[in-house]
Amino acid sequence: MLELATRLRVRMRTGMCQAKRLAAWAVLVGLATGAAEAQQIYLAANTLIVSADGGGYLARRSDRIAQMRATGQRVEIRGTCISACTMYLSLPNVCVTPSAVLGFHGPSENGRPLPPRDFEYWSQVMAANYAEPLRSWFLSTARYNTSGYYQISGAQLIRMGYQQC
């Protein structure tokens, strides 16, 4: 039997060059637009369009997702969504486009390893946001990569049962 990573044709991205470029782009757009969340574009009053989101702190994102769940806000992942951004997959009103690209990696403190207890806790927080088989794959594979990320396309997620936009 093929391993899940092979079946999904997951490609490991080495290094964080793309994430750094995304972060720099978000800062530049934020300066130009004054937007608090430059990496995301709001198309409608209750729809968040994710086009280039490099992630962020898990606790902050977790709080934000809880608020979004309470309001029923819709999220459309249409572009790049890396790290904590992938937690949007837990929302009932989330969809992905086939061309979307999501990046998965394990929890760290700005790239530095966490103590084992914290690593396990934050890995479980992340995994709780994913449906099977993504959850099992994350816990067995992706969480151990903290120097880069694994890339999965929206098309692959749609085949796993996530809603297509």
N, C-alpha and C. Protein backbone atom coordinates (compact mmCIF):
# COMPACT_ATOMS: atom_id res chain seq x y z
N MET A 1 0.85 -1.19 0.00
CA MET A 1 0.00 0.00 0.00
C MET A 1 0.89 1.24 0.00
N LEU A 2 0.53 2.19 -0.85
CA LEU A 2 1.31 3.41 -0.92
C LEU A 2 1.09 4.25 0.32
N GLU A 3 2.10 4.94 0.75
CA GLU A 3 1.96 5.84 1.88
C GLU A 3 1.11 7.02 1.47
N LEU A 4 0.44 7.64 2.44
CA LEU A 4 -0.45 8.76 2.16
C LEU A 4 0.28 9.88 1.43
N ALA A 5 1.50 10.15 1.83
CA ALA A 5 2.25 11.23 1.18
C ALA A 5 2.44 10.95 -0.30
N THR A 6 2.64 9.71 -0.66
CA THR A 6 2.81 9.35 -2.06
C THR A 6 1.49 9.46 -2.80
N ARG A 7 0.41 8.93 -2.19
CA ARG A 7 -0.90 8.99 -2.83
C ARG A 7 -1.33 10.42 -3.08
N LEU A 8 -1.01 11.30 -2.18
CA LEU A 8 -1.42 12.69 -2.32
C LEU A 8 -0.48 13.48 -3.22
N ARG A 9 0.61 12.84 -3.61
CA ARG A 9 1.65 13.51 -4.38
C ARG A 9 2.09 14.81 -3.68
N VAL A 10 2.32 14.66 -2.40
CA VAL A 10 2.76 15.79 -1.59
C VAL A 10 4.20 16.06 -1.91
N ARG A 11 4.50 17.32 -2.09
CA ARG A 11 5.86 17.71 -2.42
C ARG A 11 6.41 18.51 -1.25
N MET A 12 7.53 18.06 -0.74
CA MET A 12 8.14 18.78 0.38
C MET A 12 8.90 19.98 -0.16
N ARG A 13 8.62 21.11 0.44
CA ARG A 13 9.32 22.33 0.08
C ARG A 13 10.45 22.52 1.08
N THR A 14 11.65 22.62 0.61
CA THR A 14 12.78 22.83 1.52
C THR A 14 13.05 24.32 1.63
N GLY A 15 13.38 24.73 2.82
CA GLY A 15 13.64 26.13 3.06
C GLY A 15 12.34 26.92 3.19
N MET A 16 12.47 28.15 3.59
CA MET A 16 11.30 28.99 3.80
C MET A 16 11.29 30.19 2.86
N CYS A 17 11.98 30.10 1.74
CA CYS A 17 12.08 31.24 0.84
C CYS A 17 10.72 31.76 0.41
N GLN A 18 9.81 30.87 0.01
CA GLN A 18 8.50 31.32 -0.44
C GLN A 18 7.73 31.97 0.70
N ALA A 19 7.80 31.40 1.89
CA ALA A 19 7.10 31.98 3.03
C ALA A 19 7.64 33.37 3.34
N LYS A 20 8.96 33.55 3.24
CA LYS A 20 9.55 34.86 3.48
C LYS A 20 9.10 35.86 2.42
N ARG A 21 9.01 35.40 1.16
CA ARG A 21 8.52 36.29 0.10
C ARG A 21 7.07 36.68 0.35
N LEU A 22 6.25 35.72 0.79
CA LEU A 22 4.86 36.01 1.09
C LEU A 22 4.74 37.01 2.24
N ALA A 23 5.56 36.82 3.27
CA ALA A 23 5.52 37.74 4.40
C ALA A 23 5.92 39.14 3.98
N ALA A 24 6.96 39.26 3.17
CA ALA A 24 7.40 40.57 2.69
C ALA A 24 6.31 41.20 1.83
N TRP A 25 5.67 40.41 0.98
CA TRP A 25 4.59 40.92 0.14
C TRP A 25 3.45 41.43 1.00
N ALA A 26 3.10 40.67 2.05
CA ALA A 26 2.00 41.08 2.93
C ALA A 26 2.31 42.40 3.61
N VAL A 27 3.56 42.57 4.05
CA VAL A 27 3.95 43.83 4.68
C VAL A 27 3.84 44.98 3.70
N LEU A 28 4.33 44.79 2.48
CA LEU A 28 4.26 45.84 1.47
C LEU A 28 2.83 46.21 1.12
N VAL A 29 1.99 45.20 0.94
CA VAL A 29 0.59 45.48 0.63
C VAL A 29 -0.07 46.17 1.81
N GLY A 30 0.26 45.72 3.03
CA GLY A 30 -0.29 46.35 4.22
C GLY A 30 0.09 47.82 4.31
N LEU A 31 1.34 48.15 3.98
CA LEU A 31 1.77 49.54 4.01
C LEU A 31 1.06 50.35 2.94
N ALA A 32 0.86 49.74 1.80
CA ALA A 32 0.21 50.45 0.69
C ALA A 32 -1.28 50.63 0.92
N THR A 33 -1.93 49.65 1.56
CA THR A 33 -3.38 49.71 1.70
C THR A 33 -3.83 50.07 3.10
N GLY A 34 -2.93 49.94 4.07
CA GLY A 34 -3.31 50.17 5.45
C GLY A 34 -4.15 49.03 6.01
N ALA A 35 -4.25 47.94 5.29
CA ALA A 35 -5.06 46.80 5.72
C ALA A 35 -4.40 46.08 6.88
N ALA A 36 -5.20 45.69 7.86
CA ALA A 36 -4.66 44.97 9.01
C ALA A 36 -4.21 43.58 8.61
N GLU A 37 -4.88 42.98 7.67
CA GLU A 37 -4.51 41.65 7.21
C GLU A 37 -4.29 41.71 5.71
N ALA A 38 -3.10 42.16 5.33
CA ALA A 38 -2.81 42.40 3.92
C ALA A 38 -2.80 41.13 3.10
N GLN A 39 -2.59 39.98 3.73
CA GLN A 39 -2.50 38.75 2.98
C GLN A 39 -3.86 38.23 2.55
N GLN A 40 -4.95 38.87 2.98
CA GLN A 40 -6.27 38.38 2.68
C GLN A 40 -7.12 39.50 2.10
N ILE A 41 -8.06 39.13 1.25
CA ILE A 41 -8.94 40.10 0.62
C ILE A 41 -10.38 39.73 0.95
N TYR A 42 -11.16 40.69 1.42
CA TYR A 42 -12.56 40.45 1.70
C TYR A 42 -13.37 40.83 0.48
N LEU A 43 -14.08 39.86 -0.12
CA LEU A 43 -14.89 40.12 -1.30
C LEU A 43 -16.30 40.54 -0.93
N ALA A 44 -16.83 39.98 0.11
CA ALA A 44 -18.20 40.26 0.51
C ALA A 44 -18.22 40.40 2.02
N ALA A 45 -19.33 40.89 2.54
CA ALA A 45 -19.44 41.17 3.96
C ALA A 45 -19.10 39.97 4.83
N ASN A 46 -19.48 38.78 4.41
CA ASN A 46 -19.27 37.63 5.26
C ASN A 46 -18.44 36.54 4.58
N THR A 47 -17.59 36.93 3.61
CA THR A 47 -16.73 35.96 2.94
C THR A 47 -15.29 36.45 2.98
N LEU A 48 -14.43 35.60 3.47
CA LEU A 48 -12.99 35.89 3.49
C LEU A 48 -12.35 35.13 2.35
N ILE A 49 -11.68 35.84 1.46
CA ILE A 49 -10.96 35.21 0.37
C ILE A 49 -9.49 35.16 0.75
N VAL A 50 -8.93 33.96 0.81
CA VAL A 50 -7.51 33.79 1.14
C VAL A 50 -6.76 33.65 -0.18
N SER A 51 -5.85 34.59 -0.42
CA SER A 51 -5.09 34.54 -1.66
C SER A 51 -3.59 34.35 -1.42
N ALA A 52 -3.07 34.86 -0.32
CA ALA A 52 -1.65 34.72 0.00
C ALA A 52 -1.47 34.90 1.50
N ASP A 53 -1.57 33.82 2.23
CA ASP A 53 -1.49 33.87 3.69
C ASP A 53 -0.36 32.96 4.15
N GLY A 54 0.68 33.55 4.72
CA GLY A 54 1.85 32.82 5.15
C GLY A 54 1.76 32.22 6.54
N GLY A 55 0.62 32.34 7.20
CA GLY A 55 0.44 31.72 8.51
C GLY A 55 0.48 32.71 9.64
N GLY A 56 1.15 32.33 10.72
CA GLY A 56 1.20 33.19 11.90
C GLY A 56 1.16 32.35 13.16
N TYR A 57 0.82 32.99 14.25
CA TYR A 57 0.80 32.32 15.55
C TYR A 57 -0.45 31.47 15.70
N LEU A 58 -0.26 30.23 16.13
CA LEU A 58 -1.36 29.28 16.25
C LEU A 58 -2.44 29.75 17.21
N ALA A 59 -2.05 30.27 18.36
CA ALA A 59 -3.04 30.69 19.35
C ALA A 59 -3.92 31.81 18.80
N ARG A 60 -3.32 32.78 18.14
CA ARG A 60 -4.10 33.89 17.55
C ARG A 60 -5.04 33.38 16.48
N ARG A 61 -4.53 32.50 15.62
CA ARG A 61 -5.37 31.97 14.53
C ARG A 61 -6.50 31.13 15.10
N SER A 62 -6.20 30.36 16.13
CA SER A 62 -7.22 29.52 16.76
C SER A 62 -8.35 30.38 17.32
N ASP A 63 -7.99 31.48 17.97
CA ASP A 63 -9.01 32.41 18.50
C ASP A 63 -9.83 33.01 17.37
N ARG A 64 -9.17 33.40 16.31
CA ARG A 64 -9.87 34.00 15.17
C ARG A 64 -10.83 33.01 14.54
N ILE A 65 -10.41 31.76 14.40
CA ILE A 65 -11.26 30.74 13.80
C ILE A 65 -12.48 30.48 14.68
N ALA A 66 -12.31 30.50 15.99
CA ALA A 66 -13.45 30.33 16.89
C ALA A 66 -14.47 31.45 16.68
N GLN A 67 -14.00 32.68 16.50
CA GLN A 67 -14.90 33.81 16.23
C GLN A 67 -15.60 33.63 14.89
N MET A 68 -14.85 33.20 13.89
CA MET A 68 -15.43 33.00 12.56
C MET A 68 -16.48 31.88 12.58
N ARG A 69 -16.21 30.83 13.33
CA ARG A 69 -17.17 29.73 13.44
C ARG A 69 -18.46 30.24 14.08
N ALA A 70 -18.33 31.07 15.11
CA ALA A 70 -19.50 31.60 15.80
C ALA A 70 -20.37 32.48 14.90
N THR A 71 -19.74 33.18 13.97
CA THR A 71 -20.51 34.08 13.08
C THR A 71 -20.92 33.41 11.78
N GLY A 72 -20.38 32.22 11.52
CA GLY A 72 -20.71 31.52 10.28
C GLY A 72 -20.01 32.10 9.05
N GLN A 73 -18.93 32.82 9.28
CA GLN A 73 -18.22 33.44 8.15
C GLN A 73 -17.72 32.39 7.17
N ARG A 74 -17.90 32.68 5.89
CA ARG A 74 -17.45 31.80 4.81
C ARG A 74 -15.99 32.13 4.48
N VAL A 75 -15.21 31.09 4.18
CA VAL A 75 -13.81 31.26 3.78
C VAL A 75 -13.60 30.53 2.46
N GLU A 76 -13.01 31.23 1.51
CA GLU A 76 -12.65 30.64 0.23
C GLU A 76 -11.12 30.69 0.11
N ILE A 77 -10.50 29.52 0.06
CA ILE A 77 -9.04 29.45 -0.10
C ILE A 77 -8.78 29.35 -1.59
N ARG A 78 -8.25 30.42 -2.17
CA ARG A 78 -8.09 30.53 -3.61
C ARG A 78 -6.62 30.62 -4.05
N GLY A 79 -5.73 30.84 -3.11
CA GLY A 79 -4.32 31.00 -3.46
C GLY A 79 -3.45 30.20 -2.51
N THR A 80 -2.39 30.85 -2.02
CA THR A 80 -1.43 30.19 -1.13
C THR A 80 -1.88 30.35 0.32
N CYS A 81 -1.87 29.25 1.03
CA CYS A 81 -2.30 29.20 2.43
C CYS A 81 -1.32 28.28 3.15
N ILE A 82 -0.46 28.86 3.97
CA ILE A 82 0.62 28.10 4.59
C ILE A 82 0.50 28.14 6.12
N SER A 83 0.89 27.07 6.75
CA SER A 83 1.05 27.00 8.18
C SER A 83 -0.29 27.20 8.90
N ALA A 84 -0.37 28.16 9.82
CA ALA A 84 -1.59 28.38 10.61
C ALA A 84 -2.80 28.69 9.73
N CYS A 85 -2.59 29.19 8.55
CA CYS A 85 -3.69 29.46 7.62
C CYS A 85 -4.50 28.20 7.35
N THR A 86 -3.83 27.04 7.34
CA THR A 86 -4.52 25.79 7.02
C THR A 86 -5.58 25.44 8.06
N MET A 87 -5.56 26.11 9.21
CA MET A 87 -6.57 25.86 10.24
C MET A 87 -7.96 26.29 9.77
N TYR A 88 -8.04 27.11 8.73
CA TYR A 88 -9.35 27.47 8.17
C TYR A 88 -10.10 26.23 7.69
N LEU A 89 -9.37 25.16 7.39
CA LEU A 89 -10.02 23.95 6.89
C LEU A 89 -11.02 23.37 7.88
N SER A 90 -10.97 23.79 9.13
CA SER A 90 -11.91 23.28 10.13
C SER A 90 -13.27 23.96 10.07
N LEU A 91 -13.38 25.06 9.37
CA LEU A 91 -14.64 25.81 9.36
C LEU A 91 -15.69 25.11 8.50
N PRO A 92 -16.94 25.16 8.93
CA PRO A 92 -17.99 24.50 8.16
C PRO A 92 -18.26 25.19 6.82
N ASN A 93 -17.94 26.46 6.70
CA ASN A 93 -18.19 27.22 5.47
C ASN A 93 -16.90 27.50 4.71
N VAL A 94 -16.01 26.52 4.63
CA VAL A 94 -14.75 26.69 3.90
C VAL A 94 -14.83 25.93 2.59
N CYS A 95 -14.19 26.51 1.58
CA CYS A 95 -14.04 25.80 0.31
C CYS A 95 -12.65 26.13 -0.24
N VAL A 96 -12.17 25.28 -1.14
CA VAL A 96 -10.87 25.49 -1.77
C VAL A 96 -11.03 25.38 -3.28
N THR A 97 -10.22 26.14 -3.98
CA THR A 97 -10.19 26.00 -5.44
C THR A 97 -9.17 24.93 -5.79
N PRO A 98 -9.34 24.28 -6.92
CA PRO A 98 -8.36 23.26 -7.31
C PRO A 98 -6.94 23.81 -7.43
N SER A 99 -6.80 25.08 -7.76
CA SER A 99 -5.47 25.67 -7.95
C SER A 99 -4.86 26.20 -6.65
N ALA A 100 -5.60 26.16 -5.56
CA ALA A 100 -5.05 26.62 -4.27
C ALA A 100 -3.86 25.74 -3.89
N VAL A 101 -2.95 26.31 -3.10
CA VAL A 101 -1.78 25.59 -2.61
C VAL A 101 -1.70 25.79 -1.11
N LEU A 102 -1.72 24.69 -0.38
CA LEU A 102 -1.64 24.75 1.08
C LEU A 102 -0.34 24.11 1.54
N GLY A 103 0.30 24.75 2.52
CA GLY A 103 1.58 24.28 3.03
C GLY A 103 1.46 23.85 4.49
N PHE A 104 1.94 22.66 4.80
CA PHE A 104 1.82 22.08 6.13
C PHE A 104 3.20 21.82 6.72
N HIS A 105 3.36 22.17 7.99
CA HIS A 105 4.59 21.86 8.73
C HIS A 105 4.26 21.79 10.21
N GLY A 106 5.20 21.35 10.99
CA GLY A 106 4.99 21.21 12.42
C GLY A 106 5.16 22.52 13.16
N PRO A 107 4.66 22.55 14.40
CA PRO A 107 4.76 23.76 15.22
C PRO A 107 6.19 24.01 15.68
N SER A 108 6.54 25.29 15.76
CA SER A 108 7.85 25.69 16.26
C SER A 108 7.72 27.10 16.82
N GLU A 109 8.77 27.56 17.43
CA GLU A 109 8.83 28.93 17.94
C GLU A 109 9.73 29.72 17.01
N ASN A 110 9.13 30.31 15.99
CA ASN A 110 9.88 31.04 14.98
C ASN A 110 11.00 30.19 14.38
N GLY A 111 10.68 28.93 14.07
CA GLY A 111 11.65 28.03 13.45
C GLY A 111 12.49 27.24 14.43
N ARG A 112 12.40 27.55 15.71
CA ARG A 112 13.16 26.81 16.73
C ARG A 112 12.28 25.71 17.31
N PRO A 113 12.88 24.56 17.63
CA PRO A 113 12.09 23.44 18.18
C PRO A 113 11.41 23.82 19.50
N LEU A 114 10.23 23.28 19.69
CA LEU A 114 9.50 23.46 20.95
C LEU A 114 9.88 22.34 21.91
N PRO A 115 9.71 22.57 23.21
CA PRO A 115 9.87 21.46 24.15
C PRO A 115 8.86 20.37 23.78
N PRO A 116 9.18 19.10 24.03
CA PRO A 116 8.31 17.99 23.61
C PRO A 116 6.84 18.15 24.00
N ARG A 117 6.59 18.57 25.21
CA ARG A 117 5.19 18.72 25.67
C ARG A 117 4.46 19.78 24.85
N ASP A 118 5.10 20.92 24.59
CA ASP A 118 4.49 21.97 23.78
C ASP A 118 4.32 21.53 22.33
N PHE A 119 5.32 20.81 21.82
CA PHE A 119 5.25 20.31 20.45
C PHE A 119 4.03 19.40 20.28
N GLU A 120 3.83 18.51 21.23
CA GLU A 120 2.68 17.59 21.16
C GLU A 120 1.37 18.36 21.27
N TYR A 121 1.30 19.29 22.20
CA TYR A 121 0.07 20.07 22.37
C TYR A 121 -0.31 20.82 21.09
N TRP A 122 0.63 21.59 20.55
CA TRP A 122 0.33 22.40 19.36
C TRP A 122 0.13 21.55 18.12
N SER A 123 0.78 20.38 18.06
CA SER A 123 0.52 19.45 16.95
C SER A 123 -0.93 18.98 17.00
N GLN A 124 -1.41 18.69 18.18
CA GLN A 124 -2.80 18.25 18.33
C GLN A 124 -3.79 19.37 18.03
N VAL A 125 -3.43 20.60 18.41
CA VAL A 125 -4.28 21.75 18.07
C VAL A 125 -4.40 21.87 16.56
N MET A 126 -3.27 21.78 15.87
CA MET A 126 -3.31 21.85 14.40
C MET A 126 -4.13 20.71 13.82
N ALA A 127 -3.84 19.49 14.24
CA ALA A 127 -4.49 18.31 13.68
C ALA A 127 -6.00 18.34 13.87
N ALA A 128 -6.45 18.94 14.96
CA ALA A 128 -7.89 19.01 15.23
C ALA A 128 -8.64 19.81 14.16
N ASN A 129 -7.91 20.56 13.36
CA ASN A 129 -8.52 21.38 12.32
C ASN A 129 -8.64 20.65 10.98
N TYR A 130 -8.18 19.44 10.91
CA TYR A 130 -8.16 18.69 9.65
C TYR A 130 -9.06 17.47 9.73
N ALA A 131 -9.74 17.19 8.63
CA ALA A 131 -10.53 15.96 8.50
C ALA A 131 -9.60 14.81 8.09
N GLU A 132 -10.04 13.60 8.32
CA GLU A 132 -9.29 12.44 7.84
C GLU A 132 -9.37 12.37 6.33
N PRO A 133 -8.35 11.94 5.63
CA PRO A 133 -7.08 11.38 6.10
C PRO A 133 -6.00 12.42 6.34
N LEU A 134 -6.32 13.70 6.11
CA LEU A 134 -5.33 14.76 6.28
C LEU A 134 -4.82 14.80 7.73
N ARG A 135 -5.71 14.61 8.69
CA ARG A 135 -5.32 14.66 10.10
C ARG A 135 -4.25 13.60 10.41
N SER A 136 -4.50 12.38 10.02
CA SER A 136 -3.53 11.30 10.31
C SER A 136 -2.20 11.55 9.61
N TRP A 137 -2.25 12.01 8.36
CA TRP A 137 -1.02 12.31 7.63
C TRP A 137 -0.24 13.43 8.33
N PHE A 138 -0.95 14.46 8.77
CA PHE A 138 -0.27 15.56 9.47
C PHE A 138 0.44 15.03 10.71
N LEU A 139 -0.26 14.24 11.52
CA LEU A 139 0.32 13.74 12.77
C LEU A 139 1.46 12.75 12.54
N SER A 140 1.40 11.98 11.47
CA SER A 140 2.45 10.98 11.24
C SER A 140 3.62 11.52 10.43
N THR A 141 3.41 12.60 9.68
CA THR A 141 4.45 13.07 8.76
C THR A 141 4.74 14.56 8.87
N ALA A 142 3.79 15.38 8.52
CA ALA A 142 4.04 16.82 8.35
C ALA A 142 4.49 17.54 9.61
N ARG A 143 3.99 17.13 10.75
CA ARG A 143 4.35 17.86 11.97
C ARG A 143 5.82 17.74 12.33
N TYR A 144 6.49 16.75 11.78
CA TYR A 144 7.91 16.57 12.09
C TYR A 144 8.82 17.42 11.20
N ASN A 145 8.25 18.10 10.25
CA ASN A 145 9.02 18.99 9.38
C ASN A 145 8.85 20.42 9.89
N THR A 146 9.91 20.98 10.44
CA THR A 146 9.82 22.36 10.94
C THR A 146 10.80 23.28 10.23
N SER A 147 11.48 22.79 9.21
CA SER A 147 12.42 23.64 8.48
C SER A 147 11.92 23.96 7.08
N GLY A 148 10.78 23.51 6.73
CA GLY A 148 10.16 23.75 5.44
C GLY A 148 8.71 23.38 5.55
N TYR A 149 8.09 23.00 4.46
CA TYR A 149 6.69 22.56 4.53
C TYR A 149 6.38 21.61 3.39
N TYR A 150 5.32 20.84 3.60
CA TYR A 150 4.78 19.96 2.56
C TYR A 150 3.67 20.72 1.85
N GLN A 151 3.64 20.59 0.56
CA GLN A 151 2.68 21.32 -0.25
C GLN A 151 1.59 20.36 -0.76
N ILE A 152 0.34 20.75 -0.59
CA ILE A 152 -0.80 19.98 -1.08
C ILE A 152 -1.68 20.93 -1.88
N SER A 153 -2.13 20.50 -3.03
CA SER A 153 -2.97 21.36 -3.87
C SER A 153 -4.43 21.30 -3.42
N GLY A 154 -5.16 22.33 -3.79
CA GLY A 154 -6.59 22.33 -3.53
C GLY A 154 -7.27 21.14 -4.19
N ALA A 155 -6.82 20.77 -5.38
CA ALA A 155 -7.40 19.62 -6.08
C ALA A 155 -7.25 18.35 -5.24
N GLN A 156 -6.10 18.18 -4.58
CA GLN A 156 -5.88 17.02 -3.72
C GLN A 156 -6.82 17.05 -2.52
N LEU A 157 -7.00 18.24 -1.94
CA LEU A 157 -7.91 18.36 -0.80
C LEU A 157 -9.35 18.09 -1.21
N ILE A 158 -9.74 18.54 -2.39
CA ILE A 158 -11.09 18.29 -2.89
C ILE A 158 -11.32 16.78 -3.04
N ARG A 159 -10.31 16.07 -3.54
CA ARG A 159 -10.42 14.62 -3.66
C ARG A 159 -10.55 13.95 -2.28
N MET A 160 -10.05 14.61 -1.25
CA MET A 160 -10.15 14.07 0.10
C MET A 160 -11.47 14.45 0.77
N GLY A 161 -12.31 15.22 0.08
CA GLY A 161 -13.63 15.53 0.63
C GLY A 161 -13.88 16.98 0.98
N TYR A 162 -12.88 17.84 0.85
CA TYR A 162 -13.12 19.26 1.14
C TYR A 162 -13.94 19.86 0.01
N GLN A 163 -14.75 20.85 0.34
CA GLN A 163 -15.66 21.46 -0.62
C GLN A 163 -14.89 22.30 -1.63
N GLN A 164 -15.28 22.20 -2.91
CA GLN A 164 -14.68 23.01 -3.98
C GLN A 164 -15.44 24.33 -4.10
N CYS A 165 -14.69 25.42 -4.27
CA CYS A 165 -15.31 26.74 -4.50
C CYS A 165 -15.80 26.83 -5.94
